[in-house]
Amino acid sequence: MLRPEGLPPVQYEVTPLQGGYDQITSAYNLAPGALRDCINFACRSQGGYYRIPGYERIDGRPAPSDAEFIVLDVTMNPGESLPPLGTFGTFGNIEGVVCYVDPLGLYIAITKAAVVEEQN
């Protein structure tokens, strides 16, 4: 990477995430690695933090738990690639957005599904 002459080298500092959740101490006096504010995280007894499983984001977008999914058994032909996640596709007479692909290619899950009517 090109670096303009005269600039000092970049120095990195590792900060271990430990110290707990502290809303009382002033932000200026807070120890490095302590939590000042967080959502859906908890402190580990041996130090560090972890995300609390089972919570759902609430940020104005539709809740993932409200989505409806259809699981389709598929037969992949040799050499045929798996459909990428997030792509819109038609599978027989059903179309929708691919939201999960089985790594073995045995089934896929789609959301926002609709039945395609045959054209005469």
N, C-alpha and C. Protein backbone atom coordinates (compact mmCIF):
# COMPACT_ATOMS: atom_id res chain seq x y z
N MET A 1 0.85 -1.18 0.00
CA MET A 1 0.00 0.00 0.00
C MET A 1 0.89 1.23 0.00
N LEU A 2 0.56 2.20 -0.82
CA LEU A 2 1.36 3.41 -0.90
C LEU A 2 1.11 4.28 0.32
N ARG A 3 2.18 4.89 0.80
CA ARG A 3 2.07 5.73 1.97
C ARG A 3 2.78 7.05 1.66
N PRO A 4 2.09 8.17 1.85
CA PRO A 4 2.74 9.47 1.62
C PRO A 4 3.95 9.62 2.56
N GLU A 5 5.00 10.20 2.03
CA GLU A 5 6.21 10.37 2.82
C GLU A 5 5.96 11.33 3.98
N GLY A 6 6.63 11.07 5.09
CA GLY A 6 6.55 11.96 6.23
C GLY A 6 5.48 11.57 7.25
N LEU A 7 4.57 10.66 6.88
CA LEU A 7 3.53 10.25 7.83
C LEU A 7 4.10 9.15 8.73
N PRO A 8 3.74 9.18 10.01
CA PRO A 8 4.22 8.12 10.90
C PRO A 8 3.54 6.80 10.56
N PRO A 9 4.16 5.67 10.91
CA PRO A 9 3.53 4.37 10.65
C PRO A 9 2.28 4.18 11.51
N VAL A 10 1.35 3.39 11.01
CA VAL A 10 0.12 3.10 11.75
C VAL A 10 0.47 2.23 12.95
N GLN A 11 -0.07 2.59 14.10
CA GLN A 11 0.15 1.80 15.31
C GLN A 11 -1.18 1.23 15.76
N TYR A 12 -1.19 -0.06 16.07
CA TYR A 12 -2.41 -0.73 16.49
C TYR A 12 -2.35 -0.98 17.99
N GLU A 13 -3.51 -0.95 18.62
CA GLU A 13 -3.60 -1.24 20.05
C GLU A 13 -4.75 -2.21 20.26
N VAL A 14 -4.47 -3.35 20.84
CA VAL A 14 -5.48 -4.36 21.11
C VAL A 14 -6.14 -4.04 22.45
N THR A 15 -7.46 -4.02 22.47
CA THR A 15 -8.20 -3.78 23.70
C THR A 15 -9.04 -5.00 24.02
N PRO A 16 -8.69 -5.74 25.07
CA PRO A 16 -9.52 -6.90 25.44
C PRO A 16 -10.91 -6.44 25.87
N LEU A 17 -11.93 -7.14 25.38
CA LEU A 17 -13.31 -6.81 25.76
C LEU A 17 -13.61 -7.47 27.09
N GLN A 18 -13.41 -6.71 28.15
CA GLN A 18 -13.66 -7.19 29.50
C GLN A 18 -13.91 -5.98 30.37
N GLY A 19 -14.34 -6.19 31.55
CA GLY A 19 -14.57 -5.07 32.46
C GLY A 19 -16.03 -4.94 32.86
N GLY A 20 -16.92 -5.59 32.12
CA GLY A 20 -18.32 -5.59 32.52
C GLY A 20 -19.11 -4.43 31.95
N TYR A 21 -20.35 -4.39 32.38
CA TYR A 21 -21.32 -3.39 31.94
C TYR A 21 -21.36 -2.29 32.98
N ASP A 22 -20.98 -1.08 32.61
CA ASP A 22 -20.84 0.01 33.58
C ASP A 22 -21.55 1.25 33.07
N GLN A 23 -22.71 1.56 33.68
CA GLN A 23 -23.46 2.76 33.31
C GLN A 23 -23.24 3.88 34.32
N ILE A 24 -22.47 3.63 35.35
CA ILE A 24 -22.30 4.62 36.42
C ILE A 24 -21.05 5.46 36.21
N THR A 25 -19.94 4.81 35.90
CA THR A 25 -18.68 5.52 35.72
C THR A 25 -18.77 6.44 34.51
N SER A 26 -18.16 7.61 34.64
CA SER A 26 -18.12 8.56 33.54
C SER A 26 -17.42 7.92 32.34
N ALA A 27 -17.86 8.27 31.14
CA ALA A 27 -17.27 7.71 29.92
C ALA A 27 -15.78 8.04 29.86
N TYR A 28 -15.35 9.16 30.43
CA TYR A 28 -13.94 9.54 30.43
C TYR A 28 -13.12 8.67 31.37
N ASN A 29 -13.73 8.14 32.41
CA ASN A 29 -13.02 7.33 33.40
C ASN A 29 -13.23 5.83 33.21
N LEU A 30 -14.01 5.45 32.22
CA LEU A 30 -14.33 4.05 31.99
C LEU A 30 -13.08 3.28 31.55
N ALA A 31 -12.88 2.10 32.11
CA ALA A 31 -11.73 1.27 31.75
C ALA A 31 -11.86 0.78 30.30
N PRO A 32 -10.75 0.67 29.57
CA PRO A 32 -10.82 0.14 28.20
C PRO A 32 -11.42 -1.26 28.18
N GLY A 33 -12.34 -1.50 27.28
CA GLY A 33 -12.96 -2.82 27.14
C GLY A 33 -14.26 -2.96 27.90
N ALA A 34 -14.61 -1.99 28.73
CA ALA A 34 -15.88 -2.05 29.48
C ALA A 34 -17.02 -1.59 28.57
N LEU A 35 -18.20 -2.14 28.81
CA LEU A 35 -19.38 -1.75 28.03
C LEU A 35 -20.03 -0.52 28.64
N ARG A 36 -20.35 0.41 27.79
CA ARG A 36 -21.08 1.60 28.24
C ARG A 36 -22.57 1.44 27.93
N ASP A 37 -22.86 0.83 26.78
CA ASP A 37 -24.24 0.63 26.37
C ASP A 37 -24.26 -0.54 25.37
N CYS A 38 -25.28 -1.35 25.43
CA CYS A 38 -25.37 -2.47 24.51
C CYS A 38 -26.81 -2.97 24.47
N ILE A 39 -27.10 -3.74 23.44
CA ILE A 39 -28.42 -4.36 23.29
C ILE A 39 -28.19 -5.82 22.96
N ASN A 40 -28.86 -6.72 23.69
CA ASN A 40 -28.81 -8.16 23.44
C ASN A 40 -27.41 -8.77 23.64
N PHE A 41 -26.62 -8.21 24.53
CA PHE A 41 -25.33 -8.77 24.89
C PHE A 41 -25.27 -8.93 26.39
N ALA A 42 -24.50 -9.90 26.86
CA ALA A 42 -24.34 -10.14 28.29
C ALA A 42 -22.86 -10.39 28.58
N CYS A 43 -22.49 -10.25 29.86
CA CYS A 43 -21.10 -10.46 30.29
C CYS A 43 -20.88 -11.93 30.62
N ARG A 44 -19.75 -12.45 30.22
CA ARG A 44 -19.35 -13.81 30.60
C ARG A 44 -18.72 -13.78 31.98
N SER A 45 -18.93 -14.83 32.75
CA SER A 45 -18.38 -14.88 34.11
C SER A 45 -16.85 -14.92 34.07
N GLN A 46 -16.25 -15.49 33.03
CA GLN A 46 -14.80 -15.57 32.94
C GLN A 46 -14.20 -14.42 32.13
N GLY A 47 -15.00 -13.40 31.82
CA GLY A 47 -14.54 -12.24 31.07
C GLY A 47 -15.04 -12.26 29.65
N GLY A 48 -15.21 -11.12 29.08
CA GLY A 48 -15.69 -11.00 27.71
C GLY A 48 -17.21 -10.88 27.66
N TYR A 49 -17.74 -10.89 26.46
CA TYR A 49 -19.17 -10.70 26.25
C TYR A 49 -19.67 -11.71 25.23
N TYR A 50 -20.98 -11.91 25.21
CA TYR A 50 -21.59 -12.79 24.20
C TYR A 50 -22.98 -12.26 23.86
N ARG A 51 -23.41 -12.59 22.63
CA ARG A 51 -24.74 -12.19 22.18
C ARG A 51 -25.76 -13.14 22.77
N ILE A 52 -26.83 -12.60 23.29
CA ILE A 52 -27.89 -13.41 23.87
C ILE A 52 -28.71 -14.02 22.73
N PRO A 53 -28.74 -15.35 22.61
CA PRO A 53 -29.49 -15.97 21.52
C PRO A 53 -30.99 -15.87 21.75
N GLY A 54 -31.73 -15.89 20.67
CA GLY A 54 -33.18 -15.90 20.78
C GLY A 54 -33.83 -14.54 20.70
N TYR A 55 -33.06 -13.49 20.68
CA TYR A 55 -33.65 -12.16 20.55
C TYR A 55 -33.74 -11.79 19.09
N GLU A 56 -34.70 -10.96 18.76
CA GLU A 56 -34.94 -10.58 17.38
C GLU A 56 -34.73 -9.07 17.24
N ARG A 57 -34.18 -8.69 16.11
CA ARG A 57 -33.96 -7.26 15.90
C ARG A 57 -35.29 -6.52 15.80
N ILE A 58 -35.30 -5.32 16.30
CA ILE A 58 -36.46 -4.43 16.18
C ILE A 58 -35.90 -3.10 15.72
N ASP A 59 -35.90 -2.88 14.42
CA ASP A 59 -35.31 -1.65 13.89
C ASP A 59 -36.18 -1.00 12.81
N GLY A 60 -37.45 -1.34 12.78
CA GLY A 60 -38.35 -0.74 11.79
C GLY A 60 -38.57 -1.60 10.56
N ARG A 61 -37.64 -2.53 10.29
CA ARG A 61 -37.85 -3.45 9.16
C ARG A 61 -38.79 -4.55 9.61
N PRO A 62 -39.37 -5.30 8.67
CA PRO A 62 -40.25 -6.41 9.07
C PRO A 62 -39.48 -7.43 9.92
N ALA A 63 -40.15 -7.95 10.94
CA ALA A 63 -39.53 -8.93 11.84
C ALA A 63 -39.30 -10.24 11.10
N PRO A 64 -38.12 -10.84 11.25
CA PRO A 64 -37.87 -12.12 10.59
C PRO A 64 -38.85 -13.21 10.99
N SER A 65 -39.36 -13.16 12.22
CA SER A 65 -40.29 -14.20 12.67
C SER A 65 -41.65 -14.11 11.97
N ASP A 66 -41.94 -12.98 11.33
CA ASP A 66 -43.21 -12.83 10.61
C ASP A 66 -43.15 -13.40 9.19
N ALA A 67 -41.96 -13.73 8.73
CA ALA A 67 -41.82 -14.22 7.35
C ALA A 67 -42.39 -15.64 7.23
N GLU A 68 -42.91 -15.94 6.07
CA GLU A 68 -43.40 -17.27 5.78
C GLU A 68 -42.43 -17.93 4.80
N PHE A 69 -42.13 -19.19 5.06
CA PHE A 69 -41.15 -19.91 4.26
C PHE A 69 -41.78 -21.15 3.66
N ILE A 70 -41.29 -21.54 2.50
CA ILE A 70 -41.68 -22.79 1.87
C ILE A 70 -40.39 -23.56 1.60
N VAL A 71 -40.36 -24.81 2.01
CA VAL A 71 -39.20 -25.66 1.77
C VAL A 71 -39.52 -26.55 0.58
N LEU A 72 -38.63 -26.54 -0.40
CA LEU A 72 -38.83 -27.32 -1.62
C LEU A 72 -37.75 -28.38 -1.72
N ASP A 73 -38.16 -29.64 -1.94
CA ASP A 73 -37.20 -30.70 -2.25
C ASP A 73 -36.75 -30.48 -3.68
N VAL A 74 -35.45 -30.52 -3.90
CA VAL A 74 -34.94 -30.30 -5.24
C VAL A 74 -34.01 -31.45 -5.62
N THR A 75 -33.91 -31.68 -6.91
CA THR A 75 -32.96 -32.64 -7.45
C THR A 75 -32.02 -31.84 -8.33
N MET A 76 -30.77 -31.76 -7.91
CA MET A 76 -29.79 -30.99 -8.67
C MET A 76 -29.14 -31.91 -9.70
N ASN A 77 -29.03 -31.45 -10.91
CA ASN A 77 -28.33 -32.19 -11.95
C ASN A 77 -26.83 -32.05 -11.74
N PRO A 78 -26.04 -33.04 -12.10
CA PRO A 78 -24.59 -32.93 -11.94
C PRO A 78 -24.05 -31.69 -12.63
N GLY A 79 -23.25 -30.93 -11.90
CA GLY A 79 -22.66 -29.72 -12.45
C GLY A 79 -23.54 -28.50 -12.34
N GLU A 80 -24.79 -28.68 -11.94
CA GLU A 80 -25.70 -27.55 -11.81
C GLU A 80 -25.37 -26.79 -10.52
N SER A 81 -25.31 -25.48 -10.60
CA SER A 81 -24.95 -24.69 -9.42
C SER A 81 -26.19 -24.41 -8.57
N LEU A 82 -25.94 -24.25 -7.27
CA LEU A 82 -27.02 -23.93 -6.35
C LEU A 82 -27.40 -22.47 -6.53
N PRO A 83 -28.69 -22.13 -6.39
CA PRO A 83 -29.09 -20.73 -6.57
C PRO A 83 -28.54 -19.87 -5.43
N PRO A 84 -28.03 -18.69 -5.74
CA PRO A 84 -27.49 -17.82 -4.69
C PRO A 84 -28.59 -17.30 -3.76
N LEU A 85 -28.22 -17.09 -2.50
CA LEU A 85 -29.17 -16.53 -1.53
C LEU A 85 -29.58 -15.13 -1.97
N GLY A 86 -30.84 -14.80 -1.72
CA GLY A 86 -31.35 -13.48 -2.04
C GLY A 86 -31.79 -13.29 -3.48
N THR A 87 -31.64 -14.33 -4.29
CA THR A 87 -32.05 -14.20 -5.69
C THR A 87 -33.50 -14.64 -5.86
N PHE A 88 -34.16 -14.04 -6.84
CA PHE A 88 -35.54 -14.38 -7.15
C PHE A 88 -35.51 -15.45 -8.22
N GLY A 89 -36.31 -16.49 -8.04
CA GLY A 89 -36.31 -17.56 -9.02
C GLY A 89 -37.64 -18.26 -9.11
N THR A 90 -37.81 -19.04 -10.17
CA THR A 90 -39.01 -19.83 -10.37
C THR A 90 -38.62 -21.29 -10.27
N PHE A 91 -39.36 -22.03 -9.46
CA PHE A 91 -39.11 -23.44 -9.21
C PHE A 91 -40.40 -24.19 -9.50
N GLY A 92 -40.50 -24.73 -10.72
CA GLY A 92 -41.75 -25.36 -11.13
C GLY A 92 -42.82 -24.29 -11.29
N ASN A 93 -43.90 -24.41 -10.52
CA ASN A 93 -44.96 -23.40 -10.60
C ASN A 93 -44.94 -22.46 -9.38
N ILE A 94 -43.83 -22.42 -8.66
CA ILE A 94 -43.69 -21.53 -7.50
C ILE A 94 -42.51 -20.61 -7.73
N GLU A 95 -42.70 -19.32 -7.45
CA GLU A 95 -41.60 -18.38 -7.54
C GLU A 95 -41.42 -17.69 -6.20
N GLY A 96 -40.20 -17.27 -5.92
CA GLY A 96 -39.93 -16.59 -4.67
C GLY A 96 -38.45 -16.26 -4.53
N VAL A 97 -38.10 -15.74 -3.37
CA VAL A 97 -36.74 -15.34 -3.07
C VAL A 97 -36.06 -16.46 -2.28
N VAL A 98 -34.91 -16.90 -2.74
CA VAL A 98 -34.17 -17.97 -2.08
C VAL A 98 -33.59 -17.43 -0.77
N CYS A 99 -33.93 -18.08 0.35
CA CYS A 99 -33.42 -17.63 1.64
C CYS A 99 -32.56 -18.68 2.34
N TYR A 100 -32.55 -19.92 1.86
CA TYR A 100 -31.68 -20.97 2.41
C TYR A 100 -31.46 -22.01 1.35
N VAL A 101 -30.21 -22.46 1.25
CA VAL A 101 -29.86 -23.54 0.33
C VAL A 101 -29.15 -24.62 1.13
N ASP A 102 -29.67 -25.82 1.08
CA ASP A 102 -29.02 -26.95 1.75
C ASP A 102 -27.66 -27.17 1.11
N PRO A 103 -26.59 -27.27 1.92
CA PRO A 103 -25.25 -27.45 1.35
C PRO A 103 -25.13 -28.71 0.47
N LEU A 104 -25.95 -29.73 0.73
CA LEU A 104 -25.90 -30.95 -0.08
C LEU A 104 -26.78 -30.85 -1.33
N GLY A 105 -27.53 -29.76 -1.46
CA GLY A 105 -28.37 -29.57 -2.63
C GLY A 105 -29.64 -30.40 -2.61
N LEU A 106 -30.10 -30.81 -1.43
CA LEU A 106 -31.31 -31.63 -1.34
C LEU A 106 -32.58 -30.80 -1.26
N TYR A 107 -32.48 -29.61 -0.70
CA TYR A 107 -33.67 -28.75 -0.62
C TYR A 107 -33.25 -27.30 -0.51
N ILE A 108 -34.18 -26.42 -0.83
CA ILE A 108 -34.00 -24.98 -0.66
C ILE A 108 -35.23 -24.43 0.04
N ALA A 109 -35.09 -23.30 0.65
CA ALA A 109 -36.23 -22.61 1.26
C ALA A 109 -36.39 -21.27 0.56
N ILE A 110 -37.63 -20.90 0.30
CA ILE A 110 -37.91 -19.61 -0.33
C ILE A 110 -38.92 -18.86 0.52
N THR A 111 -38.89 -17.55 0.39
CA THR A 111 -39.85 -16.69 1.06
C THR A 111 -40.45 -15.77 -0.01
N LYS A 112 -41.47 -15.04 0.35
CA LYS A 112 -42.20 -14.18 -0.60
C LYS A 112 -42.66 -15.01 -1.79
N ALA A 113 -43.18 -16.19 -1.49
CA ALA A 113 -43.55 -17.14 -2.53
C ALA A 113 -44.91 -16.81 -3.15
N ALA A 114 -45.04 -17.15 -4.41
CA ALA A 114 -46.30 -17.00 -5.14
C ALA A 114 -46.42 -18.13 -6.13
N VAL A 115 -47.66 -18.52 -6.42
CA VAL A 115 -47.91 -19.57 -7.41
C VAL A 115 -47.99 -18.91 -8.79
N VAL A 116 -47.27 -19.52 -9.74
CA VAL A 116 -47.26 -19.03 -11.11
C VAL A 116 -48.37 -19.72 -11.88
N GLU A 117 -49.27 -18.95 -12.46
CA GLU A 117 -50.36 -19.51 -13.26
C GLU A 117 -49.84 -19.85 -14.65
N GLU A 118 -50.31 -20.96 -15.20
CA GLU A 118 -49.92 -21.36 -16.55
C GLU A 118 -50.51 -20.41 -17.57
N GLN A 119 -49.69 -20.08 -18.57
CA GLN A 119 -50.14 -19.21 -19.66
C GLN A 119 -50.68 -20.08 -20.79
N ASN A 120 -51.89 -19.82 -21.27
CA ASN A 120 -52.45 -20.58 -22.39
C ASN A 120 -52.33 -19.82 -23.68
